[in-house]
Protein backbone atom coordinates (compact mmCIF):
# COMPACT_ATOMS: atom_id res chain seq x y z
CA MET A 1 -100.52 -50.11 43.06
CA THR A 2 -103.93 -51.18 41.51
CA GLU A 3 -106.05 -51.76 44.89
CA ARG A 4 -108.83 -49.27 45.90
CA TRP A 5 -109.91 -48.69 49.11
CA ALA A 6 -112.74 -46.99 50.84
CA LEU A 7 -112.07 -44.26 53.25
CA ALA A 8 -114.21 -42.30 55.73
CA ALA A 9 -113.44 -40.17 58.77
CA ASP A 10 -114.59 -41.86 62.00
CA GLY A 11 -113.73 -38.77 64.54
CA GLY A 12 -110.09 -38.10 64.33
CA GLY A 13 -110.03 -41.62 63.15
CA ALA A 14 -110.50 -43.61 60.38
CA LEU A 15 -112.88 -46.54 58.53
CA LEU A 16 -111.15 -48.54 55.75
CA VAL A 17 -111.97 -51.67 53.99
CA PRO A 18 -110.46 -52.74 50.41
CA LEU A 19 -112.75 -52.91 47.57
CA GLY A 20 -113.32 -55.68 45.11
CA ALA A 21 -113.98 -55.10 41.12
CA ASP A 22 -117.43 -55.00 41.84
CA GLY A 23 -116.90 -52.32 44.42
CA ARG A 24 -118.03 -54.67 47.04
CA PRO A 25 -115.87 -54.87 50.60
CA ALA A 26 -112.77 -57.30 49.42
CA GLY A 27 -111.76 -57.83 53.17
CA PRO A 28 -112.76 -56.73 57.07
CA VAL A 29 -113.59 -53.17 57.64
CA LEU A 30 -110.53 -51.67 59.86
CA ARG A 31 -111.06 -49.16 62.53
CA GLU A 32 -107.94 -46.73 62.90
CA PRO A 33 -107.25 -44.16 65.51
CA ASP A 34 -105.55 -41.92 63.02
CA LEU A 35 -107.22 -40.91 59.84
CA VAL A 36 -103.45 -39.33 58.45
CA ALA A 37 -101.71 -42.00 59.54
CA ALA A 38 -103.65 -44.54 58.39
CA VAL A 39 -103.66 -43.08 54.89
CA ARG A 40 -99.97 -42.55 54.97
CA ALA A 41 -99.21 -46.35 56.08
CA ARG A 42 -101.33 -47.39 52.87
CA LEU A 43 -99.97 -45.02 50.08
CA PRO A 44 -97.74 -47.45 48.37
CA GLU A 45 -100.65 -50.25 48.03
CA VAL A 46 -103.93 -48.03 47.43
CA GLY A 47 -104.01 -46.60 43.68
CA ARG A 48 -107.31 -44.84 44.13
CA TRP A 49 -109.31 -43.79 47.32
CA VAL A 50 -112.85 -44.12 47.42
CA TRP A 51 -114.75 -41.54 49.69
CA ARG A 52 -117.84 -39.78 50.14
CA SER A 53 -116.48 -35.93 49.42
CA THR A 54 -112.98 -34.68 48.62
CA ALA A 55 -113.79 -31.49 50.54
CA GLU A 56 -114.39 -33.34 53.61
CA LEU A 57 -111.17 -35.42 53.85
CA TYR A 58 -108.52 -34.27 51.44
CA PRO A 59 -107.98 -30.62 53.02
CA ARG A 60 -107.12 -32.63 56.28
CA LEU A 61 -104.54 -34.88 54.73
CA LEU A 62 -102.87 -31.91 52.64
CA ALA A 63 -102.40 -29.99 55.82
CA ALA A 64 -100.37 -33.06 57.29
CA GLY A 65 -98.52 -33.29 54.25
CA VAL A 66 -100.11 -36.33 52.68
CA ARG A 67 -101.07 -36.19 48.95
CA ILE A 68 -103.32 -38.56 47.05
CA GLU A 69 -102.48 -39.39 43.49
CA ARG A 70 -106.32 -40.71 42.79
CA CYS A 71 -109.38 -40.45 44.16
CA TYR A 72 -113.07 -41.55 43.48
CA ASP A 73 -115.58 -38.90 44.77
CA ILE A 74 -118.90 -40.44 45.48
CA GLU A 75 -120.91 -37.14 45.32
CA ALA A 76 -119.57 -35.79 42.48
CA ALA A 77 -120.12 -39.44 41.03
CA GLU A 78 -123.75 -38.94 41.79
CA LEU A 79 -124.31 -35.66 40.33
CA LEU A 80 -122.94 -37.00 36.94
CA LEU A 81 -124.93 -40.03 37.16
CA LEU A 82 -128.29 -38.30 38.04
CA GLY A 83 -127.71 -35.85 35.06
CA HIS A 84 -127.04 -38.76 32.86
CA GLU A 85 -130.29 -40.19 33.88
CA GLY A 86 -132.20 -37.27 33.17
CA ARG A 87 -132.50 -36.42 37.00
CA LEU A 88 -130.37 -33.48 37.34
CA GLY A 89 -131.78 -31.26 40.31
CA GLU A 90 -132.50 -34.37 42.60
CA PRO A 91 -130.45 -34.35 45.83
CA ARG A 92 -127.08 -35.58 45.45
CA SER A 93 -125.32 -36.18 48.73
CA ALA A 94 -124.18 -39.59 49.74
CA ALA A 95 -126.93 -39.77 52.28
CA ALA A 96 -129.67 -38.94 49.64
CA ALA A 97 -128.24 -41.78 47.00
CA TRP A 98 -128.40 -44.30 49.82
CA ALA A 99 -132.04 -43.33 50.58
CA ARG A 100 -132.74 -43.82 46.95
CA LEU A 101 -131.26 -47.36 47.13
CA ARG A 102 -133.28 -48.30 50.28
CA ARG A 103 -136.40 -46.73 48.61
CA GLY A 104 -136.43 -44.74 51.79
CA ALA A 105 -137.30 -40.97 52.04
CA VAL A 106 -134.84 -38.79 50.37
CA PRO A 107 -133.16 -36.24 52.44
CA PRO A 108 -132.61 -32.62 50.51
CA ASP A 109 -129.50 -31.41 50.05
CA PRO A 110 -127.94 -28.98 52.60
CA PRO A 111 -127.96 -25.73 51.58
CA ALA A 112 -125.18 -24.23 49.62
CA ARG A 113 -122.30 -22.77 52.43
CA SER A 114 -121.08 -19.21 52.11
CA ALA A 115 -117.54 -18.66 51.53
CA VAL A 116 -115.52 -17.45 54.54
CA PRO A 117 -112.59 -15.52 53.58
CA GLY A 118 -109.12 -16.83 54.20
CA SER A 119 -110.74 -20.06 55.51
CA GLN A 120 -109.12 -23.55 54.58
CA SER A 121 -112.17 -25.28 53.69
CA SER A 122 -115.62 -27.09 54.68
CA LEU A 123 -113.92 -29.77 56.38
CA PHE A 124 -114.52 -28.75 59.95
CA GLU A 125 -118.24 -27.63 59.27
CA PRO A 126 -120.79 -30.09 59.74
CA HIS A 127 -122.29 -31.84 56.94
CA ALA A 128 -126.06 -31.55 58.10
CA GLY A 129 -128.41 -33.97 56.54
CA ARG A 130 -125.35 -36.20 54.93
CA ASP A 131 -124.92 -38.58 57.57
CA VAL A 132 -124.71 -41.89 56.12
CA PRO A 133 -123.16 -45.27 57.96
CA PHE A 134 -119.97 -46.42 55.87
CA GLU A 135 -121.59 -49.90 54.90
CA GLY A 136 -124.37 -47.41 53.29
CA LEU A 137 -121.62 -45.39 51.50
CA LEU A 138 -119.94 -48.88 50.30
CA GLU A 139 -123.37 -49.97 48.76
CA VAL A 140 -123.88 -46.60 47.29
CA TYR A 141 -120.43 -46.83 45.75
CA ALA A 142 -121.08 -50.30 44.11
CA GLU A 143 -124.11 -49.15 42.82
CA GLN A 144 -122.74 -46.50 41.03
CA LEU A 145 -120.40 -48.95 39.40
CA ARG A 146 -123.16 -50.72 37.91
CA ARG A 147 -125.15 -47.69 36.83
CA HIS A 148 -121.92 -46.71 34.92
CA GLN A 149 -122.15 -49.60 33.13
CA ASP A 150 -125.66 -48.65 31.82
CA ALA A 151 -124.68 -45.41 30.56
CA GLU A 152 -124.75 -44.59 26.79
CA HIS A 153 -120.87 -44.84 26.73
CA PRO A 154 -119.83 -46.58 29.62
CA GLY A 155 -116.46 -45.92 28.91
CA ARG A 156 -116.52 -42.26 28.53
CA MET A 157 -118.84 -42.03 31.55
CA ARG A 158 -116.23 -43.84 33.92
CA LEU A 159 -113.52 -41.32 32.04
CA LEU A 160 -115.61 -38.39 33.18
CA THR A 161 -115.92 -39.54 36.70
CA ALA A 162 -112.46 -40.00 37.29
CA SER A 163 -111.46 -36.50 35.72
CA GLU A 164 -114.19 -34.95 37.77
CA SER A 165 -112.70 -36.68 40.71
CA ALA A 166 -109.50 -35.71 40.02
CA ALA A 167 -110.29 -31.95 39.49
CA MET A 168 -111.67 -32.45 43.13
CA LEU A 169 -108.06 -32.67 44.20
CA VAL A 170 -106.95 -29.96 42.13
CA ALA A 171 -109.02 -27.96 43.51
CA ALA A 172 -108.20 -28.39 47.12
CA GLU A 173 -104.48 -28.43 46.39
CA MET A 174 -105.13 -24.99 44.56
CA HIS A 175 -106.76 -23.75 47.68
CA ARG A 176 -104.21 -24.69 49.80
CA ALA A 177 -101.14 -23.27 47.66
CA GLY A 178 -102.97 -20.12 46.93
CA LEU A 179 -102.57 -17.34 44.34
CA PRO A 180 -99.65 -15.20 45.07
CA TRP A 181 -100.88 -11.68 46.03
CA ARG A 182 -99.13 -8.30 46.93
CA ALA A 183 -101.39 -6.79 49.11
CA ASP A 184 -98.70 -3.58 48.97
CA VAL A 185 -99.09 -3.56 45.26
CA HIS A 186 -102.73 -4.04 45.26
CA ARG A 187 -103.35 -1.16 47.81
CA GLU A 188 -101.22 1.27 45.98
CA MET A 189 -103.28 0.38 42.53
CA LEU A 190 -106.64 1.28 44.50
CA ARG A 191 -105.10 4.56 45.27
CA GLU A 192 -104.07 5.42 41.83
CA LEU A 193 -107.54 4.36 40.28
CA LEU A 194 -110.06 5.42 43.10
CA GLY A 195 -108.45 8.21 44.89
CA GLU A 196 -108.80 8.51 48.65
CA ARG A 197 -110.88 6.71 50.84
CA TYR A 198 -113.36 8.92 53.12
CA ALA A 199 -114.15 8.31 56.45
CA GLY A 200 -117.70 6.38 57.06
CA GLY A 201 -117.27 3.88 53.99
CA GLY A 202 -118.40 5.98 51.46
CA GLU A 203 -117.24 6.35 47.55
CA PRO A 204 -113.78 7.50 47.40
CA ARG A 205 -112.61 10.45 45.96
CA ARG A 206 -112.29 9.36 42.18
CA LEU A 207 -115.78 8.04 42.17
CA ALA A 208 -117.20 10.89 44.09
CA GLU A 209 -115.87 13.45 41.23
CA LEU A 210 -117.25 11.04 38.33
CA ALA A 211 -120.63 10.97 40.02
CA ASP A 212 -120.40 15.09 40.46
CA GLN A 213 -119.41 14.93 36.75
CA VAL A 214 -122.58 12.89 35.57
CA SER A 215 -124.92 14.78 37.53
CA GLU A 216 -123.33 17.89 36.06
CA ALA A 217 -124.20 16.79 32.53
CA PHE A 218 -127.56 16.03 33.22
CA GLY A 219 -128.40 18.89 35.04
CA ARG A 220 -129.56 17.51 38.18
CA ARG A 221 -128.36 14.71 40.64
CA VAL A 222 -128.22 11.43 39.08
CA ARG A 223 -127.14 8.20 40.81
CA PRO A 224 -124.77 6.76 38.24
CA ASP A 225 -124.72 3.42 40.67
CA LEU A 226 -128.22 3.06 40.06
CA PRO A 227 -129.25 1.89 36.54
CA ALA A 228 -132.95 2.83 36.61
CA ASP A 229 -131.93 6.41 37.85
CA VAL A 230 -129.83 6.82 34.97
CA MET A 231 -132.01 5.58 32.22
CA LYS A 232 -134.57 7.93 33.62
CA ALA A 233 -132.13 10.58 33.21
CA PHE A 234 -131.35 9.85 29.62
CA ALA A 235 -135.29 9.77 29.08
CA GLN A 236 -135.62 13.11 30.16
CA THR A 237 -133.34 14.41 27.84
CA GLY A 238 -135.10 12.58 25.09
CA ILE A 239 -132.60 9.76 24.79
CA LYS A 240 -134.21 6.08 25.15
CA VAL A 241 -131.96 3.19 26.50
CA ARG A 242 -132.70 -0.27 27.19
CA SER A 243 -130.06 -0.25 29.41
CA THR A 244 -126.75 1.05 30.60
CA ARG A 245 -124.05 -1.28 29.34
CA ARG A 246 -121.15 0.03 28.25
CA TRP A 247 -121.60 -0.71 24.34
CA GLU A 248 -124.93 0.63 24.19
CA LEU A 249 -124.04 3.90 26.01
CA GLU A 250 -121.13 4.10 23.69
CA GLU A 251 -123.49 4.77 20.91
CA ILE A 252 -125.16 7.67 22.60
CA ASP A 253 -123.93 11.15 21.83
CA HIS A 254 -124.23 13.01 25.46
CA PRO A 255 -121.72 14.55 27.60
CA ALA A 256 -122.54 12.23 30.26
CA VAL A 257 -121.53 9.03 28.50
CA GLU A 258 -117.69 9.24 29.18
CA PRO A 259 -117.82 9.94 32.62
CA LEU A 260 -120.45 7.31 33.63
CA ILE A 261 -118.59 4.55 31.23
CA GLN A 262 -115.29 5.29 33.47
CA TYR A 263 -117.56 5.39 37.04
CA LYS A 264 -118.83 1.90 35.82
CA LYS A 265 -115.59 0.55 35.18
CA LEU A 266 -114.27 2.00 38.41
CA TYR A 267 -116.96 1.46 40.58
CA ARG A 268 -116.80 -2.40 39.77
CA ILE A 269 -113.18 -2.51 40.84
CA TRP A 270 -113.96 -0.74 44.03
CA THR A 271 -117.15 -3.14 45.01
CA ALA A 272 -115.33 -6.63 43.60
CA HIS A 273 -111.65 -6.09 44.21
CA GLY A 274 -111.54 -3.03 46.42
CA TRP A 275 -110.14 -2.51 50.25
CA SER A 276 -112.78 -4.52 51.64
CA TRP A 277 -112.04 -7.48 49.41
CA LEU A 278 -108.42 -6.95 49.90
CA GLN A 279 -108.85 -7.40 53.67
CA ASP A 280 -111.11 -10.32 53.73
CA TRP A 281 -109.57 -12.62 50.92
CA VAL A 282 -105.60 -11.81 50.88
CA ARG A 283 -103.97 -13.93 53.80
CA GLU A 284 -100.11 -13.89 54.26
CA GLY A 285 -99.64 -13.29 50.32
CA ARG A 286 -102.17 -15.47 48.91
CA PHE A 287 -105.08 -15.52 47.56
CA ARG A 288 -107.51 -18.64 48.48
CA PRO A 289 -110.76 -18.92 46.90
CA GLU A 290 -112.89 -21.95 46.89
CA TYR A 291 -112.72 -23.76 43.52
CA LEU A 292 -116.18 -25.66 42.46
CA PRO A 293 -115.06 -27.94 39.72
CA GLY A 294 -118.49 -28.72 37.72
CA GLY A 295 -119.85 -25.58 39.17
CA THR A 296 -122.37 -24.98 35.95
CA VAL A 297 -124.12 -27.51 34.36
CA SER A 298 -121.52 -27.31 31.09
CA GLY A 299 -118.85 -28.73 33.54
CA ARG A 300 -117.18 -25.43 33.84
CA TRP A 301 -115.69 -24.31 37.10
CA THR A 302 -116.88 -21.80 39.64
CA THR A 303 -115.82 -20.49 42.95
CA ASN A 304 -117.59 -19.93 46.24
CA GLY A 305 -116.90 -16.24 46.60
CA GLY A 306 -114.01 -14.27 46.16
CA GLY A 307 -114.63 -13.55 42.36
CA ALA A 308 -111.24 -15.35 41.70
CA LEU A 309 -112.91 -15.91 37.98
CA GLN A 310 -113.56 -12.52 37.11
CA ILE A 311 -110.04 -10.53 38.33
CA PRO A 312 -109.79 -7.39 36.15
CA ARG A 313 -106.82 -6.95 33.99
CA VAL A 314 -105.44 -3.87 35.93
CA ILE A 315 -105.95 -5.78 39.37
CA ARG A 316 -103.68 -8.75 38.07
CA ARG A 317 -100.78 -6.57 38.08
CA ALA A 318 -101.03 -7.51 42.19
CA VAL A 319 -100.80 -10.96 41.01
CA VAL A 320 -96.78 -11.49 41.63
CA ALA A 321 -94.52 -14.41 41.87
CA ASP A 322 -92.50 -15.25 44.99
CA GLU A 323 -88.84 -14.05 44.73
CA GLY A 324 -86.81 -16.39 42.62
CA TRP A 325 -90.11 -17.78 41.37
CA ARG A 326 -92.13 -17.24 38.31
CA LEU A 327 -95.58 -17.58 36.99
CA VAL A 328 -96.20 -19.77 33.96
CA VAL A 329 -99.34 -18.68 32.21
CA ALA A 330 -101.06 -20.61 29.60
CA ASP A 331 -104.03 -20.16 27.58
CA ALA A 332 -105.60 -22.53 25.23
CA ASP A 333 -105.48 -21.74 21.75
CA GLN A 334 -108.91 -21.48 20.47
CA MET A 335 -109.97 -23.97 22.32
CA GLU A 336 -114.10 -24.58 21.22
CA PRO A 337 -113.52 -24.84 17.58
CA ARG A 338 -110.75 -27.23 18.05
CA VAL A 339 -113.10 -29.22 20.21
CA LEU A 340 -116.07 -28.89 17.64
CA ALA A 341 -113.61 -30.31 15.29
CA ALA A 342 -112.53 -33.23 17.57
CA ILE A 343 -116.33 -34.06 18.34
CA SER A 344 -117.93 -33.66 14.92
CA ARG A 345 -114.88 -35.51 13.03
CA ASP A 346 -115.43 -33.20 10.06
CA PRO A 347 -112.39 -33.82 7.87
CA GLY A 348 -112.19 -30.20 6.48
CA LEU A 349 -112.37 -28.76 10.19
CA MET A 350 -109.98 -31.21 11.58
CA GLU A 351 -107.48 -30.24 9.08
CA VAL A 352 -107.87 -26.74 9.95
CA ALA A 353 -107.43 -27.28 13.63
CA GLY A 354 -104.56 -29.36 12.87
CA HIS A 355 -101.94 -27.01 13.25
CA ASP A 356 -100.52 -24.94 16.27
CA GLY A 357 -101.14 -21.71 14.55
CA ASP A 358 -104.24 -19.38 14.75
CA LEU A 359 -106.90 -21.29 13.79
CA TYR A 360 -109.16 -18.51 12.52
CA THR A 361 -106.74 -17.53 9.94
CA ALA A 362 -106.37 -20.82 8.79
CA LEU A 363 -110.01 -20.86 8.67
CA SER A 364 -110.04 -17.36 6.99
CA ASP A 365 -107.86 -18.81 3.90
CA ARG A 366 -110.36 -21.19 2.93
CA ALA A 367 -113.48 -20.31 3.38
CA PHE A 368 -113.64 -16.31 4.05
CA SER A 369 -110.81 -14.92 1.47
CA GLY A 370 -108.52 -14.33 3.97
CA ASP A 371 -110.58 -12.08 6.43
CA ARG A 372 -109.70 -13.24 9.74
CA ALA A 373 -112.53 -11.47 11.82
CA HIS A 374 -115.35 -12.48 9.57
CA ALA A 375 -113.99 -16.21 10.11
CA LYS A 376 -113.83 -15.86 13.65
CA LEU A 377 -117.38 -14.23 14.02
CA ALA A 378 -118.93 -16.68 11.68
CA LEU A 379 -117.47 -20.08 13.60
CA LEU A 380 -118.46 -18.56 17.02
CA GLY A 381 -121.91 -17.51 15.67
CA ALA A 382 -122.16 -21.12 14.65
CA ILE A 383 -121.36 -22.31 18.09
CA TYR A 384 -122.95 -19.87 20.22
CA GLY A 385 -126.56 -19.60 18.07
CA GLN A 386 -125.94 -16.72 16.31
CA THR A 387 -127.87 -17.75 12.74
CA SER A 388 -129.79 -15.01 11.93
CA GLY A 389 -129.42 -12.09 9.35
CA ASP A 390 -125.71 -12.28 8.56
CA GLY A 391 -125.34 -15.21 10.56
CA LEU A 392 -127.46 -17.13 8.38
CA LYS A 393 -125.15 -16.19 5.50
CA ASN A 394 -122.12 -17.24 7.16
CA LEU A 395 -123.76 -20.79 8.59
CA ALA A 396 -124.27 -21.35 4.91
CA ALA A 397 -120.93 -20.69 3.82
CA LEU A 398 -119.41 -22.95 6.71
CA ARG A 399 -121.89 -25.74 5.76
CA ARG A 400 -120.68 -26.14 2.62
CA ARG A 401 -117.14 -26.31 3.94
CA PHE A 402 -117.63 -27.96 7.13
CA PRO A 403 -120.94 -29.97 6.79
CA LEU A 404 -120.34 -32.33 9.71
CA ALA A 405 -119.25 -29.58 12.13
CA ILE A 406 -122.17 -27.68 11.42
CA ALA A 407 -124.75 -30.71 11.53
CA TYR A 408 -123.37 -31.51 15.19
CA VAL A 409 -124.19 -28.30 16.72
CA ASP A 410 -127.39 -28.41 14.80
CA ASP A 411 -128.32 -31.71 15.84
CA ALA A 412 -127.78 -30.49 19.44
CA ALA A 413 -129.76 -27.57 19.00
CA ARG A 414 -132.46 -29.43 17.58
CA ALA A 415 -132.54 -31.99 20.35
CA GLY A 416 -132.90 -29.16 22.79
CA GLN A 417 -135.55 -27.70 21.16
CA GLU A 418 -137.31 -30.84 21.36
CA GLY A 419 -136.80 -31.63 25.21
CA ARG A 420 -134.45 -34.36 24.63
CA LEU A 421 -131.14 -34.68 26.48
CA VAL A 422 -127.98 -33.63 24.94
CA ARG A 423 -124.44 -34.83 26.32
CA THR A 424 -120.87 -33.78 25.88
CA TRP A 425 -118.47 -36.21 24.26
CA LEU A 426 -117.68 -38.01 27.67
CA GLY A 427 -121.13 -37.81 28.87
CA ARG A 428 -121.85 -34.97 30.89
CA THR A 429 -125.87 -34.17 30.50
CA SER A 430 -127.65 -30.98 29.92
CA PRO A 431 -130.50 -30.44 32.49
CA PRO A 432 -133.92 -31.62 31.53
CA ARG A 433 -136.23 -28.79 30.14
CA ALA A 434 -137.98 -28.16 33.49
CA ALA A 435 -134.76 -27.81 35.08
CA LEU A 436 -133.30 -25.41 32.80
CA THR A 437 -133.33 -21.90 34.46
CA GLU A 438 -132.19 -18.49 32.84
CA ASP A 439 -128.89 -18.62 34.52
CA ASP A 440 -128.28 -21.80 33.21
CA ASP A 441 -128.00 -20.30 29.85
CA GLU A 442 -124.16 -19.82 29.04
CA GLY A 443 -125.10 -20.00 25.35
CA GLY A 444 -124.92 -16.17 25.04
CA LEU A 445 -120.95 -15.18 23.39
CA PRO A 446 -118.35 -13.70 25.84
CA GLN A 447 -118.86 -9.69 25.09
CA GLU A 448 -115.08 -8.06 25.49
CA PRO A 449 -113.86 -4.73 24.50
CA GLY A 450 -112.84 -4.55 21.10
CA ASP A 451 -113.96 -8.28 19.83
CA ALA A 452 -116.22 -8.24 17.16
CA THR A 453 -117.98 -11.19 18.86
CA ALA A 454 -119.67 -8.56 20.92
CA SER A 455 -122.34 -7.52 18.26
CA PHE A 456 -123.87 -10.92 19.14
CA SER A 457 -126.83 -10.89 21.45
CA SER A 458 -127.73 -13.51 23.87
CA SER A 459 -131.12 -13.38 22.45
CA SER A 460 -130.05 -14.22 18.91
CA SER A 461 -131.37 -17.29 17.50
CA PHE A 462 -130.23 -20.42 15.94
CA SER A 463 -131.70 -21.82 12.67
CA SER A 464 -131.67 -24.49 9.95
CA SER A 465 -134.47 -22.69 8.35
CA ASP A 466 -134.96 -19.70 6.35
CA ASP A 467 -137.03 -18.20 9.18
CA GLY A 468 -134.56 -18.67 11.72
CA GLU A 469 -136.03 -21.56 13.52
CA PHE A 470 -136.02 -25.49 13.74
CA THR A 471 -139.54 -26.62 13.33
CA PRO A 472 -139.89 -30.00 14.33
CA GLY A 473 -143.11 -31.63 13.68
CA GLY A 474 -143.83 -29.02 11.05
CA GLY A 475 -144.87 -26.59 14.10
CA ARG A 476 -143.65 -23.10 15.22
CA THR A 477 -141.22 -23.30 18.34
CA SER A 478 -141.61 -21.01 21.38
CA SER A 479 -139.05 -18.78 22.81
CA GLU A 480 -138.27 -21.15 25.32
CA ASP A 481 -137.62 -23.65 23.27
CA ARG A 482 -135.31 -21.65 20.91
CA ALA A 483 -133.58 -20.64 24.41
CA ARG A 484 -133.10 -24.30 25.42
CA GLY A 485 -131.85 -25.25 21.79
CA ARG A 486 -129.11 -22.27 21.74
CA PHE A 487 -128.09 -23.77 25.12
CA THR A 488 -127.66 -26.97 24.17
CA ARG A 489 -126.42 -25.94 20.91
CA ASN A 490 -123.44 -24.55 22.61
CA PHE A 491 -123.56 -27.03 25.73
CA VAL A 492 -121.93 -29.83 23.63
CA VAL A 493 -118.82 -28.06 22.53
CA GLN A 494 -118.51 -25.93 25.53
CA GLY A 495 -118.93 -29.06 27.80
CA SER A 496 -117.07 -31.17 25.79
CA ALA A 497 -114.26 -28.44 26.25
CA ALA A 498 -114.84 -28.77 29.91
CA ASP A 499 -114.31 -32.52 29.25
CA TRP A 500 -110.65 -31.96 27.56
CA ALA A 501 -109.79 -29.60 30.53
CA LEU A 502 -110.43 -31.61 33.12
CA LEU A 503 -107.95 -34.09 31.47
CA MET A 504 -105.66 -31.30 30.87
CA LEU A 505 -105.52 -30.69 34.52
CA ALA A 506 -105.25 -34.36 35.82
CA ALA A 507 -102.40 -34.79 33.00
CA LEU A 508 -100.39 -31.62 34.28
CA ARG A 509 -100.85 -32.61 37.88
CA ARG A 510 -99.24 -35.72 37.32
CA ALA A 511 -96.70 -34.27 35.14
CA THR A 512 -95.54 -31.58 38.00
CA ALA A 513 -95.74 -33.79 40.82
CA GLY A 514 -92.02 -34.43 41.39
CA MET A 515 -91.70 -30.61 41.15
CA ARG A 516 -91.88 -27.67 43.65
CA ALA A 517 -94.08 -26.28 40.98
CA GLU A 518 -97.58 -25.57 42.02
CA LEU A 519 -101.17 -25.18 39.99
CA VAL A 520 -102.40 -21.95 41.64
CA PHE A 521 -105.35 -20.89 39.02
CA PHE A 522 -107.72 -22.42 36.66
CA GLN A 523 -110.23 -21.22 34.47
CA HIS A 524 -112.02 -22.73 31.42
CA ASP A 525 -109.32 -21.96 29.02
CA GLU A 526 -106.30 -20.88 31.48
CA VAL A 527 -104.15 -22.32 33.83
CA ILE A 528 -101.25 -20.71 36.08
CA VAL A 529 -98.21 -22.75 37.40
CA HIS A 530 -96.23 -21.14 40.16
CA CYS A 531 -92.75 -22.39 40.11
CA PRO A 532 -89.18 -21.97 40.75
CA GLU A 533 -87.32 -19.93 38.05
CA GLU A 534 -85.40 -23.08 36.75
CA GLU A 535 -88.18 -25.06 36.78
CA ALA A 536 -90.32 -22.81 34.38
CA GLU A 537 -89.16 -24.04 30.93
CA GLU A 538 -90.03 -27.70 32.39
CA VAL A 539 -93.48 -26.61 33.47
CA ALA A 540 -94.13 -24.78 30.13
CA GLU A 541 -93.15 -28.07 28.39
CA ALA A 542 -95.27 -30.14 30.85
CA ILE A 543 -98.68 -27.89 30.08
CA ARG A 544 -98.05 -28.27 26.40
CA ALA A 545 -97.94 -32.48 26.75
CA ALA A 546 -100.84 -32.43 29.01
CA GLY A 547 -102.88 -30.59 26.37
CA GLU A 548 -102.18 -32.91 23.60
CA LEU A 549 -102.30 -36.10 25.92
CA ALA A 550 -106.02 -34.61 26.99
CA GLY A 551 -106.76 -34.40 23.62
CA ARG A 552 -106.07 -38.06 23.09
CA ILE A 553 -107.60 -39.37 25.79
CA THR A 554 -110.78 -37.58 25.66
CA PHE A 555 -111.48 -37.71 21.86
CA GLY A 556 -109.62 -40.79 20.69
CA GLU A 557 -106.72 -39.87 17.80
CA THR A 558 -107.87 -37.17 15.62
CA PRO A 559 -105.33 -34.70 13.72
CA VAL A 560 -106.76 -31.81 16.15
CA ARG A 561 -103.90 -30.11 17.93
CA PHE A 562 -104.76 -28.68 21.34
CA SER A 563 -101.89 -26.07 21.86
CA PHE A 564 -101.31 -23.10 24.32
CA THR A 565 -99.85 -19.77 24.06
CA THR A 566 -97.47 -19.95 27.29
CA ALA A 567 -95.55 -16.98 29.08
CA THR A 568 -93.37 -17.04 31.78
CA VAL A 569 -93.52 -13.98 33.90
CA GLU A 570 -93.37 -12.26 37.22
CA ARG A 571 -96.57 -10.70 37.20
CA TYR A 572 -100.09 -12.14 35.79
CA SER A 573 -100.56 -8.75 34.11
CA ASP A 574 -97.72 -9.10 31.87
CA ALA A 575 -98.88 -12.15 30.31
CA LYS A 576 -101.51 -10.68 28.39
């Protein structure tokens, strides 16, 4: 099973053709009256299907019970290749790629489609502005093969495209399977947290009570859902606040703080995962978001509506396995520091990351006198760009112990400041300076309750000099340059971690293909598999093996271990 075939929908039928090694037709184009039957008949002989868009074709095949092992997604490949060529932001549709080949007018990409809660996919919606004849699609594919050969590391770039295409299959399969969701449990939690709902869609009882407490503390009516109103109320009491973020409010001694923080927490649950969300998004015991692999410039996934990647811990109680089934929940252990060890080839850091145990404990024993919290703060600061103040001293200690690792992120930051392109290990490329927007700056540290990393600010600077700035050419750098440097410093690590995750998913998908188990959830360092109880142990082992295999395929042979903390539970909330 080594042949590649190109496939396109033709109404209810299909156009198909076998492809040669150069991507060009190796036989006549076939026209079949039934797309599903045509694909099913050729499954034994086709090793990889080449098509315009997985989202266009695969849901129809899945609905008919046809599972594809491998594909090549032309539009996903076009986005990766444009980025590699420093042209990110240009239209990435197959029609646009064909127009560029013919030196014609390039059509814009169609506007992003709003998600329809509970819908199957975007398959049956028209693809306005994306029309391209089958012959044009074949020309685009052949040209993409040539462009891969022109990449900085052709083999890595081909691997990135293959793994991104595999991710498109996983995303479609997860959408169809859905995350098990108990609507009755969700409703009961909402009643416990928010109280009764009032007629007319106003705030539920508990939010109304907290709003009254906030107003009483200020001595006048204050809208706690409006940050400007809250900041004005504090100012009138002589307290100046820059924002209404929780960690800043906790520093204030005022009776409004406690009910305000509680209000904000519950308000987010009500608006993001309340009764309206439940009605819109949960159907027949399943939550089916539309996953978007490569939805961020670093390669991390996003979703089109539904907030699947921001499920609050308390709401996870509603994610319950079917009777007789279990959820195998796996979190990658300290993924980004391990990735930094692999891509930098730093001997010392690879030794630290060469064990399944806690990486920060091992790091603290070598460089921070056993202080794990300090070690974690220092290493994440180096990755995310906190290298001024105490961060500068931490960086100096890390540079002595792990010079290649720190040089790797320093070089990426410098390249970003100078406006050069920066790539992940497999070749995903940072946007050029003009294309980088504030929303793309993923360099800020995650800020979680009780996490020492919350002391970092997204505005912190990185440095390789005493004044906290790189100074290419001897000149000072602008704040925009520093922001881009922070972004590219983190991009090479976070993006390379996304590279690894794609291959991990592909390996896990293949390992579970003969089971009843289903991949039902993924975000950058966590995967959930829903499986019969008797398969849980085998699934956990498959996840472990997939992580190690992905490490070898992505980064080559290194001592670095890519381990998981795995829990087999009935409820998602019990895994944490």
